[in-house]
């Protein structure tokens, strides 16, 4: 959903009024169009984003204010000199232009102070406002902001912080998802490299977005492969476990087999005994065809899921299933020693 309209109105009202004033005065031309385009881009940003803090940071650091103000200055200058862009108007002096810029920055700062995790952007905006209130003229203000790298620094606050990306690495690592962990590490390392190459230590948001897309494309195949493998491992395990458990004396009391009647329960038990080996053989062959000839139970994804405790069965149950795989073949009966081990678990036990 878009940013709260009242917040957008508060932050863009000044720009709307300036554009309306220019149009009312009769000014037209490319620079008026540039003002309208800059305002439209800011309005669109308010529709695309949902977080007012992010909206405020992107307005302040994305060059929107500067683009609008530069075009407005050209319109006023041309109007005062009888240029093609419009009717007579008062040329704004440096103090007016500076005040307009500071008003926009103050609006952003006010919004950011109501948000959490915006300390870096707040610090940059406070430096901008301190410069603007130091008594310098508008041209000097613009020069000092550029020399101090504050525009670049403000743009860098739009990108995720290093702490955020490092937390993403730790989260992926804690879940045992090595494919997503590799992607998160690559993104963190790229951010570090971009920051190291910047004189101010900030990260250009446009460059970062491009790098994030490139890294996502590079790692998408590995992530998709892992997800596909992980999705199919449980069913292979279930087929073997259900087949073995169907040979136990307690099978009729297990919820996997019990039906509305004794006859239906027996049918389900017999189906697991007789059909599961065939189902398993087909699925294992399909798995090998898709993911390679290595036995599925030797794949690292199984151990990762097991370590992350995302496997339904306990280690003892899973080990029994792995031991039973060679015997789970069509037209075969479960060996007594395996059935005896399964008997020890009892019905409805994981």
C-alpha atoms as a PDB file:
ATOM      1  CA  UNK A   1       0.000   0.000   0.000  1.00  0.00           C
ATOM      2  CA  UNK A   2       1.229   3.571  -0.635  1.00  0.00           C
ATOM      3  CA  UNK A   3       2.588   6.002   1.934  1.00  0.00           C
ATOM      4  CA  UNK A   4      -0.071   7.670   4.093  1.00  0.00           C
ATOM      5  CA  UNK A   5      -1.540  10.485   1.914  1.00  0.00           C
ATOM      6  CA  UNK A   6      -1.364  12.969   4.795  1.00  0.00           C
ATOM      7  CA  UNK A   7       2.373  12.375   5.052  1.00  0.00           C
ATOM      8  CA  UNK A   8       2.796  12.787   1.302  1.00  0.00           C
ATOM      9  CA  UNK A   9       0.778  16.015   1.392  1.00  0.00           C
ATOM     10  CA  UNK A  10       2.935  17.408   4.184  1.00  0.00           C
ATOM     11  CA  UNK A  11       6.176  16.605   2.374  1.00  0.00           C
ATOM     12  CA  UNK A  12       5.179  17.566  -1.180  1.00  0.00           C
ATOM     13  CA  UNK A  13       2.759  20.424  -0.529  1.00  0.00           C
ATOM     14  CA  UNK A  14       5.428  23.112  -1.010  1.00  0.00           C
ATOM     15  CA  UNK A  15       6.463  21.695  -4.370  1.00  0.00           C
ATOM     16  CA  UNK A  16       2.865  21.458  -5.543  1.00  0.00           C
ATOM     17  CA  UNK A  17       2.271  25.084  -4.595  1.00  0.00           C
ATOM     18  CA  UNK A  18       5.380  26.258  -6.436  1.00  0.00           C
ATOM     19  CA  UNK A  19       4.392  24.392  -9.594  1.00  0.00           C
ATOM     20  CA  UNK A  20       0.821  25.704  -9.414  1.00  0.00           C
ATOM     21  CA  UNK A  21       2.152  29.230  -8.964  1.00  0.00           C
ATOM     22  CA  UNK A  22       4.391  28.944 -12.006  1.00  0.00           C
ATOM     23  CA  UNK A  23       1.569  27.628 -14.167  1.00  0.00           C
ATOM     24  CA  UNK A  24      -0.852  30.269 -12.889  1.00  0.00           C
ATOM     25  CA  UNK A  25       1.610  32.996 -13.858  1.00  0.00           C
ATOM     26  CA  UNK A  26       1.515  31.705 -17.423  1.00  0.00           C
ATOM     27  CA  UNK A  27       4.987  30.195 -17.553  1.00  0.00           C
ATOM     28  CA  UNK A  28       5.452  27.270 -19.935  1.00  0.00           C
ATOM     29  CA  UNK A  29       8.280  25.407 -21.592  1.00  0.00           C
ATOM     30  CA  UNK A  30      10.867  22.735 -20.949  1.00  0.00           C
ATOM     31  CA  UNK A  31      11.810  23.900 -17.459  1.00  0.00           C
ATOM     32  CA  UNK A  32       8.206  23.950 -16.286  1.00  0.00           C
ATOM     33  CA  UNK A  33       7.925  20.448 -17.709  1.00  0.00           C
ATOM     34  CA  UNK A  34      11.025  19.469 -15.740  1.00  0.00           C
ATOM     35  CA  UNK A  35       9.450  20.787 -12.543  1.00  0.00           C
ATOM     36  CA  UNK A  36       6.319  18.775 -13.276  1.00  0.00           C
ATOM     37  CA  UNK A  37       8.364  15.656 -14.055  1.00  0.00           C
ATOM     38  CA  UNK A  38      10.340  15.964 -10.810  1.00  0.00           C
ATOM     39  CA  UNK A  39       7.146  16.379  -8.791  1.00  0.00           C
ATOM     40  CA  UNK A  40       5.507  13.477 -10.632  1.00  0.00           C
ATOM     41  CA  UNK A  41       8.501  11.295  -9.776  1.00  0.00           C
ATOM     42  CA  UNK A  42       8.128  12.234  -6.102  1.00  0.00           C
ATOM     43  CA  UNK A  43       4.379  11.544  -6.216  1.00  0.00           C
ATOM     44  CA  UNK A  44       5.035   8.167  -7.871  1.00  0.00           C
ATOM     45  CA  UNK A  45       7.542   7.311  -5.160  1.00  0.00           C
ATOM     46  CA  UNK A  46       4.835   7.919  -2.571  1.00  0.00           C
ATOM     47  CA  UNK A  47       2.629   5.403  -4.365  1.00  0.00           C
ATOM     48  CA  UNK A  48       5.340   2.783  -4.813  1.00  0.00           C
ATOM     49  CA  UNK A  49       6.576   2.761  -1.202  1.00  0.00           C
ATOM     50  CA  UNK A  50       4.656   1.998   1.960  1.00  0.00           C
ATOM     51  CA  UNK A  51       7.148   3.092   4.605  1.00  0.00           C
ATOM     52  CA  UNK A  52       7.212   6.836   5.275  1.00  0.00           C
ATOM     53  CA  UNK A  53      10.785   6.658   6.557  1.00  0.00           C
ATOM     54  CA  UNK A  54      12.030   5.083   3.348  1.00  0.00           C
ATOM     55  CA  UNK A  55       9.986   7.595   1.323  1.00  0.00           C
ATOM     56  CA  UNK A  56      11.512  10.507   3.199  1.00  0.00           C
ATOM     57  CA  UNK A  57      15.050   9.141   2.850  1.00  0.00           C
ATOM     58  CA  UNK A  58      14.680   8.567  -0.871  1.00  0.00           C
ATOM     59  CA  UNK A  59      13.240  12.027  -1.411  1.00  0.00           C
ATOM     60  CA  UNK A  60      16.142  13.606   0.410  1.00  0.00           C
ATOM     61  CA  UNK A  61      18.868  11.442  -1.070  1.00  0.00           C
ATOM     62  CA  UNK A  62      17.556  10.760  -4.541  1.00  0.00           C
ATOM     63  CA  UNK A  63      18.182  14.189  -6.040  1.00  0.00           C
ATOM     64  CA  UNK A  64      14.460  14.995  -6.383  1.00  0.00           C
ATOM     65  CA  UNK A  65      14.626  18.238  -4.404  1.00  0.00           C
ATOM     66  CA  UNK A  66      17.624  19.499  -6.338  1.00  0.00           C
ATOM     67  CA  UNK A  67      16.079  18.614  -9.699  1.00  0.00           C
ATOM     68  CA  UNK A  68      12.886  20.514  -8.894  1.00  0.00           C
ATOM     69  CA  UNK A  69      14.665  23.545  -7.429  1.00  0.00           C
ATOM     70  CA  UNK A  70      17.091  23.854 -10.352  1.00  0.00           C
ATOM     71  CA  UNK A  71      14.232  23.837 -12.844  1.00  0.00           C
ATOM     72  CA  UNK A  72      12.289  26.345 -10.745  1.00  0.00           C
ATOM     73  CA  UNK A  73      15.279  28.689 -10.677  1.00  0.00           C
ATOM     74  CA  UNK A  74      15.584  28.560 -14.466  1.00  0.00           C
ATOM     75  CA  UNK A  75      11.875  29.274 -14.879  1.00  0.00           C
ATOM     76  CA  UNK A  76      12.037  32.301 -12.590  1.00  0.00           C
ATOM     77  CA  UNK A  77      15.196  33.617 -14.225  1.00  0.00           C
ATOM     78  CA  UNK A  78      13.769  33.265 -17.721  1.00  0.00           C
ATOM     79  CA  UNK A  79      10.511  34.877 -16.665  1.00  0.00           C
ATOM     80  CA  UNK A  80      12.302  37.888 -15.201  1.00  0.00           C
ATOM     81  CA  UNK A  81      14.362  38.305 -18.365  1.00  0.00           C
ATOM     82  CA  UNK A  82      11.449  37.915 -20.765  1.00  0.00           C
ATOM     83  CA  UNK A  83      12.552  34.425 -21.806  1.00  0.00           C
ATOM     84  CA  UNK A  84      10.408  31.866 -23.540  1.00  0.00           C
ATOM     85  CA  UNK A  85       9.421  30.077 -20.397  1.00  0.00           C
ATOM     86  CA  UNK A  86       6.936  32.561 -19.157  1.00  0.00           C
ATOM     87  CA  UNK A  87       5.374  35.706 -17.920  1.00  0.00           C
ATOM     88  CA  UNK A  88       7.021  38.316 -15.716  1.00  0.00           C
ATOM     89  CA  UNK A  89       7.776  37.042 -12.275  1.00  0.00           C
ATOM     90  CA  UNK A  90       9.983  37.801  -9.358  1.00  0.00           C
ATOM     91  CA  UNK A  91      13.350  36.094  -9.512  1.00  0.00           C
ATOM     92  CA  UNK A  92      13.889  34.202  -6.272  1.00  0.00           C
ATOM     93  CA  UNK A  93      16.961  35.328  -4.438  1.00  0.00           C
ATOM     94  CA  UNK A  94      19.494  33.033  -2.783  1.00  0.00           C
ATOM     95  CA  UNK A  95      17.765  33.325   0.564  1.00  0.00           C
ATOM     96  CA  UNK A  96      14.468  32.126  -0.896  1.00  0.00           C
ATOM     97  CA  UNK A  97      16.058  29.190  -2.688  1.00  0.00           C
ATOM     98  CA  UNK A  98      17.998  28.220   0.411  1.00  0.00           C
ATOM     99  CA  UNK A  99      14.880  28.473   2.565  1.00  0.00           C
ATOM    100  CA  UNK A 100      12.965  26.222   0.173  1.00  0.00           C
ATOM    101  CA  UNK A 101      15.708  23.592   0.255  1.00  0.00           C
ATOM    102  CA  UNK A 102      15.961  23.704   4.033  1.00  0.00           C
ATOM    103  CA  UNK A 103      12.191  23.420   4.370  1.00  0.00           C
ATOM    104  CA  UNK A 104      12.245  20.224   2.330  1.00  0.00           C
ATOM    105  CA  UNK A 105      15.115  18.792   4.372  1.00  0.00           C
ATOM    106  CA  UNK A 106      13.384  19.721   7.637  1.00  0.00           C
ATOM    107  CA  UNK A 107      10.230  17.913   6.531  1.00  0.00           C
ATOM    108  CA  UNK A 108      12.250  14.791   5.816  1.00  0.00           C
ATOM    109  CA  UNK A 109      14.106  15.058   9.111  1.00  0.00           C
ATOM    110  CA  UNK A 110      10.857  15.391  11.031  1.00  0.00           C
ATOM    111  CA  UNK A 111       9.525  12.192   9.472  1.00  0.00           C
ATOM    112  CA  UNK A 112      12.735  10.246   9.972  1.00  0.00           C
ATOM    113  CA  UNK A 113      12.887  11.144  13.669  1.00  0.00           C
ATOM    114  CA  UNK A 114       9.581   9.352  14.148  1.00  0.00           C
ATOM    115  CA  UNK A 115      11.044   6.158  12.685  1.00  0.00           C
ATOM    116  CA  UNK A 116      13.477   3.615  14.092  1.00  0.00           C
ATOM    117  CA  UNK A 117      16.736   2.593  12.433  1.00  0.00           C
ATOM    118  CA  UNK A 118      17.168   5.930  10.611  1.00  0.00           C
ATOM    119  CA  UNK A 119      20.062   7.274  12.681  1.00  0.00           C
ATOM    120  CA  UNK A 120      22.479   7.477   9.752  1.00  0.00           C
ATOM    121  CA  UNK A 121      20.091   9.459   7.539  1.00  0.00           C
ATOM    122  CA  UNK A 122      19.159  11.731  10.458  1.00  0.00           C
ATOM    123  CA  UNK A 123      22.830  12.531  11.080  1.00  0.00           C
ATOM    124  CA  UNK A 124      23.390  13.493   7.436  1.00  0.00           C
ATOM    125  CA  UNK A 125      20.273  15.679   7.313  1.00  0.00           C
ATOM    126  CA  UNK A 126      21.329  17.423  10.509  1.00  0.00           C
ATOM    127  CA  UNK A 127      24.690  18.241   8.895  1.00  0.00           C
ATOM    128  CA  UNK A 128      22.893  19.607   5.823  1.00  0.00           C
ATOM    129  CA  UNK A 129      20.654  21.793   7.943  1.00  0.00           C
ATOM    130  CA  UNK A 130      23.575  23.014  10.050  1.00  0.00           C
ATOM    131  CA  UNK A 131      25.365  24.133   6.896  1.00  0.00           C
ATOM    132  CA  UNK A 132      22.247  25.837   5.567  1.00  0.00           C
ATOM    133  CA  UNK A 133      21.703  27.713   8.831  1.00  0.00           C
ATOM    134  CA  UNK A 134      25.327  28.811   9.168  1.00  0.00           C
ATOM    135  CA  UNK A 135      24.741  32.039   7.248  1.00  0.00           C
ATOM    136  CA  UNK A 136      26.199  30.990   3.903  1.00  0.00           C
ATOM    137  CA  UNK A 137      24.573  31.895   0.603  1.00  0.00           C
ATOM    138  CA  UNK A 138      22.738  29.337  -1.472  1.00  0.00           C
ATOM    139  CA  UNK A 139      25.581  28.819  -3.983  1.00  0.00           C
ATOM    140  CA  UNK A 140      28.082  28.406  -1.148  1.00  0.00           C
ATOM    141  CA  UNK A 141      25.715  25.978   0.565  1.00  0.00           C
ATOM    142  CA  UNK A 142      25.483  23.859  -2.564  1.00  0.00           C
ATOM    143  CA  UNK A 143      29.269  23.897  -2.989  1.00  0.00           C
ATOM    144  CA  UNK A 144      29.929  22.911   0.634  1.00  0.00           C
ATOM    145  CA  UNK A 145      27.337  20.126   0.495  1.00  0.00           C
ATOM    146  CA  UNK A 146      29.030  18.757  -2.617  1.00  0.00           C
ATOM    147  CA  UNK A 147      32.553  19.084  -1.184  1.00  0.00           C
ATOM    148  CA  UNK A 148      31.516  17.357   2.035  1.00  0.00           C
ATOM    149  CA  UNK A 149      29.979  14.493   0.087  1.00  0.00           C
ATOM    150  CA  UNK A 150      26.674  14.916   1.919  1.00  0.00           C
ATOM    151  CA  UNK A 151      24.500  14.236  -1.126  1.00  0.00           C
ATOM    152  CA  UNK A 152      26.389  11.004  -1.690  1.00  0.00           C
ATOM    153  CA  UNK A 153      26.203  10.166   2.009  1.00  0.00           C
ATOM    154  CA  UNK A 154      22.460  10.794   2.074  1.00  0.00           C
ATOM    155  CA  UNK A 155      22.007   8.601  -0.966  1.00  0.00           C
ATOM    156  CA  UNK A 156      23.978   5.885   0.814  1.00  0.00           C
ATOM    157  CA  UNK A 157      21.506   5.827   3.699  1.00  0.00           C
ATOM    158  CA  UNK A 158      18.855   4.482   1.322  1.00  0.00           C
ATOM    159  CA  UNK A 159      20.755   1.235   0.922  1.00  0.00           C
ATOM    160  CA  UNK A 160      20.503  -1.426   3.632  1.00  0.00           C
ATOM    161  CA  UNK A 161      22.994  -0.891   6.413  1.00  0.00           C
ATOM    162  CA  UNK A 162      25.935  -3.226   6.847  1.00  0.00           C
ATOM    163  CA  UNK A 163      24.390  -4.449  10.088  1.00  0.00           C
ATOM    164  CA  UNK A 164      21.191  -5.401   8.258  1.00  0.00           C
ATOM    165  CA  UNK A 165      23.070  -7.375   5.620  1.00  0.00           C
ATOM    166  CA  UNK A 166      25.282  -9.053   8.239  1.00  0.00           C
ATOM    167  CA  UNK A 167      22.146 -10.077  10.136  1.00  0.00           C
ATOM    168  CA  UNK A 168      20.779 -11.618   6.930  1.00  0.00           C
ATOM    169  CA  UNK A 169      23.953 -13.689   6.636  1.00  0.00           C
ATOM    170  CA  UNK A 170      23.616 -14.930  10.206  1.00  0.00           C
ATOM    171  CA  UNK A 171      19.948 -15.752   9.726  1.00  0.00           C
ATOM    172  CA  UNK A 172      20.637 -17.837   6.621  1.00  0.00           C
ATOM    173  CA  UNK A 173      23.481 -19.576   8.406  1.00  0.00           C
ATOM    174  CA  UNK A 174      21.327 -20.354  11.434  1.00  0.00           C
ATOM    175  CA  UNK A 175      18.673 -21.983   9.228  1.00  0.00           C
ATOM    176  CA  UNK A 176      21.215 -24.160   7.437  1.00  0.00           C
ATOM    177  CA  UNK A 177      20.255 -22.708   4.057  1.00  0.00           C
ATOM    178  CA  UNK A 178      23.709 -22.627   2.483  1.00  0.00           C
ATOM    179  CA  UNK A 179      22.449 -21.372  -0.901  1.00  0.00           C
ATOM    180  CA  UNK A 180      20.830 -18.279   0.564  1.00  0.00           C
ATOM    181  CA  UNK A 181      23.742 -17.835   2.937  1.00  0.00           C
ATOM    182  CA  UNK A 182      26.109 -17.665  -0.051  1.00  0.00           C
ATOM    183  CA  UNK A 183      23.899 -15.028  -1.674  1.00  0.00           C
ATOM    184  CA  UNK A 184      23.763 -12.979   1.527  1.00  0.00           C
ATOM    185  CA  UNK A 185      27.539 -13.152   1.932  1.00  0.00           C
ATOM    186  CA  UNK A 186      28.093 -12.024  -1.661  1.00  0.00           C
ATOM    187  CA  UNK A 187      25.779  -9.047  -1.163  1.00  0.00           C
ATOM    188  CA  UNK A 188      27.486  -8.047   2.090  1.00  0.00           C
ATOM    189  CA  UNK A 189      30.931  -8.311   0.510  1.00  0.00           C
ATOM    190  CA  UNK A 190      29.805  -6.213  -2.467  1.00  0.00           C
ATOM    191  CA  UNK A 191      28.421  -3.519  -0.175  1.00  0.00           C
ATOM    192  CA  UNK A 192      31.703  -3.454   1.723  1.00  0.00           C
ATOM    193  CA  UNK A 193      33.602  -3.066  -1.557  1.00  0.00           C
ATOM    194  CA  UNK A 194      31.363  -0.200  -2.708  1.00  0.00           C
ATOM    195  CA  UNK A 195      31.740   1.556   0.626  1.00  0.00           C
ATOM    196  CA  UNK A 196      35.522   1.120   0.579  1.00  0.00           C
ATOM    197  CA  UNK A 197      35.701   2.661  -2.903  1.00  0.00           C
ATOM    198  CA  UNK A 198      33.699   5.735  -1.836  1.00  0.00           C
ATOM    199  CA  UNK A 199      35.551   8.738  -0.373  1.00  0.00           C
ATOM    200  CA  UNK A 200      32.777   9.183   2.179  1.00  0.00           C
ATOM    201  CA  UNK A 201      32.283   5.492   2.890  1.00  0.00           C
ATOM    202  CA  UNK A 202      28.695   5.659   1.626  1.00  0.00           C
ATOM    203  CA  UNK A 203      27.092   3.438  -0.994  1.00  0.00           C
ATOM    204  CA  UNK A 204      25.382   4.780  -4.085  1.00  0.00           C
ATOM    205  CA  UNK A 205      21.832   3.332  -4.028  1.00  0.00           C
ATOM    206  CA  UNK A 206      21.564   2.983  -7.804  1.00  0.00           C
ATOM    207  CA  UNK A 207      24.820   1.032  -8.033  1.00  0.00           C
ATOM    208  CA  UNK A 208      23.844  -1.086  -5.040  1.00  0.00           C
ATOM    209  CA  UNK A 209      20.478  -1.988  -6.581  1.00  0.00           C
ATOM    210  CA  UNK A 210      22.210  -3.081  -9.790  1.00  0.00           C
ATOM    211  CA  UNK A 211      24.693  -5.187  -7.841  1.00  0.00           C
ATOM    212  CA  UNK A 212      21.926  -6.732  -5.763  1.00  0.00           C
ATOM    213  CA  UNK A 213      20.101  -7.719  -8.957  1.00  0.00           C
ATOM    214  CA  UNK A 214      23.282  -9.171 -10.477  1.00  0.00           C
ATOM    215  CA  UNK A 215      24.008 -11.212  -7.346  1.00  0.00           C
ATOM    216  CA  UNK A 216      20.395 -12.438  -7.152  1.00  0.00           C
ATOM    217  CA  UNK A 217      20.595 -13.634 -10.759  1.00  0.00           C
ATOM    218  CA  UNK A 218      23.887 -15.413 -10.102  1.00  0.00           C
ATOM    219  CA  UNK A 219      22.597 -17.272  -7.051  1.00  0.00           C
ATOM    220  CA  UNK A 220      19.040 -17.985  -8.223  1.00  0.00           C
ATOM    221  CA  UNK A 221      19.898 -21.365  -9.818  1.00  0.00           C
ATOM    222  CA  UNK A 222      21.572 -22.687  -6.659  1.00  0.00           C
ATOM    223  CA  UNK A 223      18.682 -21.505  -4.491  1.00  0.00           C
ATOM    224  CA  UNK A 224      16.101 -23.034  -6.829  1.00  0.00           C
ATOM    225  CA  UNK A 225      18.004 -26.324  -6.913  1.00  0.00           C
ATOM    226  CA  UNK A 226      18.248 -26.541  -3.155  1.00  0.00           C
ATOM    227  CA  UNK A 227      14.565 -25.700  -2.701  1.00  0.00           C
ATOM    228  CA  UNK A 228      13.579 -28.387  -5.220  1.00  0.00           C
ATOM    229  CA  UNK A 229      15.701 -31.028  -3.485  1.00  0.00           C
ATOM    230  CA  UNK A 230      14.504 -30.120   0.005  1.00  0.00           C
ATOM    231  CA  UNK A 231      10.888 -30.206  -1.112  1.00  0.00           C
ATOM    232  CA  UNK A 232      11.196 -33.811  -2.362  1.00  0.00           C
ATOM    233  CA  UNK A 233      13.284 -35.443   0.354  1.00  0.00           C
ATOM    234  CA  UNK A 234      10.489 -35.876   2.942  1.00  0.00           C
ATOM    235  CA  UNK A 235       8.273 -37.904   0.608  1.00  0.00           C
ATOM    236  CA  UNK A 236      11.066 -40.365  -0.112  1.00  0.00           C
ATOM    237  CA  UNK A 237      11.568 -40.850   3.618  1.00  0.00           C
ATOM    238  CA  UNK A 238       7.837 -41.195   4.264  1.00  0.00           C
ATOM    239  CA  UNK A 239       7.410 -43.939   1.677  1.00  0.00           C
ATOM    240  CA  UNK A 240      10.111 -46.086   3.294  1.00  0.00           C
ATOM    241  CA  UNK A 241       8.972 -45.451   6.872  1.00  0.00           C
ATOM    242  CA  UNK A 242       5.316 -46.134   6.084  1.00  0.00           C
ATOM    243  CA  UNK A 243       6.244 -49.344   4.280  1.00  0.00           C
ATOM    244  CA  UNK A 244       8.231 -50.628   7.231  1.00  0.00           C
ATOM    245  CA  UNK A 245       5.660 -49.567   9.830  1.00  0.00           C
ATOM    246  CA  UNK A 246       2.923 -51.343   7.898  1.00  0.00           C
ATOM    247  CA  UNK A 247       4.612 -54.625   8.882  1.00  0.00           C
ATOM    248  CA  UNK A 248       4.312 -53.967  12.636  1.00  0.00           C
ATOM    249  CA  UNK A 249       1.705 -55.373  14.997  1.00  0.00           C
ATOM    250  CA  UNK A 250       0.578 -51.857  15.958  1.00  0.00           C
ATOM    251  CA  UNK A 251      -0.003 -50.625  12.396  1.00  0.00           C
ATOM    252  CA  UNK A 252      -3.800 -50.888  12.757  1.00  0.00           C
ATOM    253  CA  UNK A 253      -3.651 -48.406  15.655  1.00  0.00           C
ATOM    254  CA  UNK A 254      -1.569 -45.786  13.833  1.00  0.00           C
ATOM    255  CA  UNK A 255      -3.417 -42.758  12.441  1.00  0.00           C
ATOM    256  CA  UNK A 256      -1.637 -43.106   9.092  1.00  0.00           C
ATOM    257  CA  UNK A 257      -3.504 -46.368   8.469  1.00  0.00           C
ATOM    258  CA  UNK A 258      -6.684 -46.331  10.537  1.00  0.00           C
ATOM    259  CA  UNK A 259      -9.869 -45.966   8.524  1.00  0.00           C
ATOM    260  CA  UNK A 260     -13.613 -45.816   9.186  1.00  0.00           C
ATOM    261  CA  UNK A 261     -13.762 -49.615   9.343  1.00  0.00           C
ATOM    262  CA  UNK A 262     -11.482 -52.530  10.088  1.00  0.00           C
ATOM    263  CA  UNK A 263     -11.593 -53.522   6.424  1.00  0.00           C
ATOM    264  CA  UNK A 264     -10.513 -50.041   5.289  1.00  0.00           C
ATOM    265  CA  UNK A 265      -7.697 -50.012   7.849  1.00  0.00           C
ATOM    266  CA  UNK A 266      -6.447 -53.364   6.586  1.00  0.00           C
ATOM    267  CA  UNK A 267      -6.662 -52.146   2.983  1.00  0.00           C
ATOM    268  CA  UNK A 268      -4.476 -49.154   3.803  1.00  0.00           C
ATOM    269  CA  UNK A 269      -1.926 -51.323   5.591  1.00  0.00           C
ATOM    270  CA  UNK A 270      -1.725 -53.752   2.695  1.00  0.00           C
ATOM    271  CA  UNK A 271      -1.443 -50.901   0.212  1.00  0.00           C
ATOM    272  CA  UNK A 272       1.555 -49.460   2.095  1.00  0.00           C
ATOM    273  CA  UNK A 273       3.201 -52.891   2.216  1.00  0.00           C
ATOM    274  CA  UNK A 274       2.614 -53.766  -1.413  1.00  0.00           C
ATOM    275  CA  UNK A 275       2.668 -50.419  -3.235  1.00  0.00           C
ATOM    276  CA  UNK A 276       5.120 -48.212  -1.375  1.00  0.00           C
ATOM    277  CA  UNK A 277       8.227 -50.023  -2.664  1.00  0.00           C
ATOM    278  CA  UNK A 278       7.076 -49.419  -6.235  1.00  0.00           C
ATOM    279  CA  UNK A 279       6.164 -45.797  -5.511  1.00  0.00           C
ATOM    280  CA  UNK A 280       9.543 -45.332  -3.876  1.00  0.00           C
ATOM    281  CA  UNK A 281      11.430 -46.897  -6.788  1.00  0.00           C
ATOM    282  CA  UNK A 282       9.739 -44.558  -9.273  1.00  0.00           C
ATOM    283  CA  UNK A 283      10.289 -41.450  -7.163  1.00  0.00           C
ATOM    284  CA  UNK A 284      13.917 -42.319  -6.423  1.00  0.00           C
ATOM    285  CA  UNK A 285      14.568 -42.839 -10.137  1.00  0.00           C
ATOM    286  CA  UNK A 286      12.933 -39.511 -10.977  1.00  0.00           C
ATOM    287  CA  UNK A 287      14.968 -37.821  -8.263  1.00  0.00           C
ATOM    288  CA  UNK A 288      18.214 -39.275  -9.630  1.00  0.00           C
ATOM    289  CA  UNK A 289      17.294 -38.245 -13.167  1.00  0.00           C
ATOM    290  CA  UNK A 290      16.626 -34.696 -12.096  1.00  0.00           C
ATOM    291  CA  UNK A 291      19.334 -34.107  -9.490  1.00  0.00           C
ATOM    292  CA  UNK A 292      22.090 -36.562 -10.362  1.00  0.00           C
ATOM    293  CA  UNK A 293      22.993 -40.184  -9.626  1.00  0.00           C
ATOM    294  CA  UNK A 294      24.277 -39.646  -6.070  1.00  0.00           C
ATOM    295  CA  UNK A 295      21.988 -41.410  -3.560  1.00  0.00           C
ATOM    296  CA  UNK A 296      19.440 -38.950  -2.213  1.00  0.00           C
ATOM    297  CA  UNK A 297      20.217 -39.936   1.373  1.00  0.00           C
ATOM    298  CA  UNK A 298      23.816 -38.828   0.867  1.00  0.00           C
ATOM    299  CA  UNK A 299      22.941 -35.354  -0.344  1.00  0.00           C
ATOM    300  CA  UNK A 300      24.138 -32.481   1.883  1.00  0.00           C
ATOM    301  CA  UNK A 301      20.672 -30.940   1.863  1.00  0.00           C
ATOM    302  CA  UNK A 302      19.331 -33.842   3.914  1.00  0.00           C
ATOM    303  CA  UNK A 303      21.973 -33.390   6.587  1.00  0.00           C
ATOM    304  CA  UNK A 304      21.402 -29.624   6.590  1.00  0.00           C
ATOM    305  CA  UNK A 305      17.665 -30.070   7.058  1.00  0.00           C
ATOM    306  CA  UNK A 306      18.301 -32.658   9.718  1.00  0.00           C
ATOM    307  CA  UNK A 307      20.659 -30.317  11.614  1.00  0.00           C
ATOM    308  CA  UNK A 308      18.111 -27.501  11.349  1.00  0.00           C
ATOM    309  CA  UNK A 309      15.449 -29.844  12.812  1.00  0.00           C
ATOM    310  CA  UNK A 310      13.152 -29.473   9.810  1.00  0.00           C
ATOM    311  CA  UNK A 311      12.798 -33.220   9.301  1.00  0.00           C
ATOM    312  CA  UNK A 312       9.568 -34.595  10.784  1.00  0.00           C
ATOM    313  CA  UNK A 313      11.159 -37.823  12.018  1.00  0.00           C
ATOM    314  CA  UNK A 314      13.535 -38.219  14.932  1.00  0.00           C
ATOM    315  CA  UNK A 315      17.132 -39.207  14.261  1.00  0.00           C
ATOM    316  CA  UNK A 316      16.395 -42.777  15.392  1.00  0.00           C
ATOM    317  CA  UNK A 317      13.421 -43.102  13.055  1.00  0.00           C
ATOM    318  CA  UNK A 318      15.315 -41.565  10.184  1.00  0.00           C
ATOM    319  CA  UNK A 319      18.302 -43.848  10.708  1.00  0.00           C
ATOM    320  CA  UNK A 320      15.973 -46.855  10.665  1.00  0.00           C
ATOM    321  CA  UNK A 321      14.504 -45.626   7.375  1.00  0.00           C
ATOM    322  CA  UNK A 322      17.964 -45.238   5.847  1.00  0.00           C
ATOM    323  CA  UNK A 323      18.852 -48.767   6.972  1.00  0.00           C
ATOM    324  CA  UNK A 324      15.624 -50.061   5.412  1.00  0.00           C
ATOM    325  CA  UNK A 325      16.163 -48.517   1.964  1.00  0.00           C
ATOM    326  CA  UNK A 326      17.993 -51.546   0.443  1.00  0.00           C
ATOM    327  CA  UNK A 327      15.112 -53.827   1.510  1.00  0.00           C
ATOM    328  CA  UNK A 328      12.335 -51.519   0.241  1.00  0.00           C
ATOM    329  CA  UNK A 329      11.934 -53.068  -3.205  1.00  0.00           C
ATOM    330  CA  UNK A 330       8.822 -54.280  -5.048  1.00  0.00           C
ATOM    331  CA  UNK A 331       7.518 -57.758  -4.109  1.00  0.00           C
ATOM    332  CA  UNK A 332       9.685 -57.867  -0.968  1.00  0.00           C
ATOM    333  CA  UNK A 333       8.745 -58.287   2.694  1.00  0.00           C
ATOM    334  CA  UNK A 334      10.481 -56.253   5.380  1.00  0.00           C
ATOM    335  CA  UNK A 335      13.267 -58.213   7.131  1.00  0.00           C
ATOM    336  CA  UNK A 336      12.344 -59.316  10.686  1.00  0.00           C
ATOM    337  CA  UNK A 337      15.238 -57.408  12.287  1.00  0.00           C
ATOM    338  CA  UNK A 338      14.025 -54.138  10.765  1.00  0.00           C
ATOM    339  CA  UNK A 339      10.432 -54.827  11.777  1.00  0.00           C
ATOM    340  CA  UNK A 340      11.581 -55.547  15.333  1.00  0.00           C
ATOM    341  CA  UNK A 341      13.299 -52.136  15.470  1.00  0.00           C
ATOM    342  CA  UNK A 342      10.137 -50.451  14.159  1.00  0.00           C
ATOM    343  CA  UNK A 343       7.994 -52.305  16.738  1.00  0.00           C
ATOM    344  CA  UNK A 344       9.881 -50.529  19.508  1.00  0.00           C
ATOM    345  CA  UNK A 345       8.532 -47.116  18.489  1.00  0.00           C
ATOM    346  CA  UNK A 346       4.822 -47.885  18.725  1.00  0.00           C
ATOM    347  CA  UNK A 347       1.944 -46.153  16.887  1.00  0.00           C
ATOM    348  CA  UNK A 348       1.911 -42.426  16.109  1.00  0.00           C
ATOM    349  CA  UNK A 349       5.536 -42.009  17.132  1.00  0.00           C
ATOM    350  CA  UNK A 350       7.878 -39.768  15.215  1.00  0.00           C
END
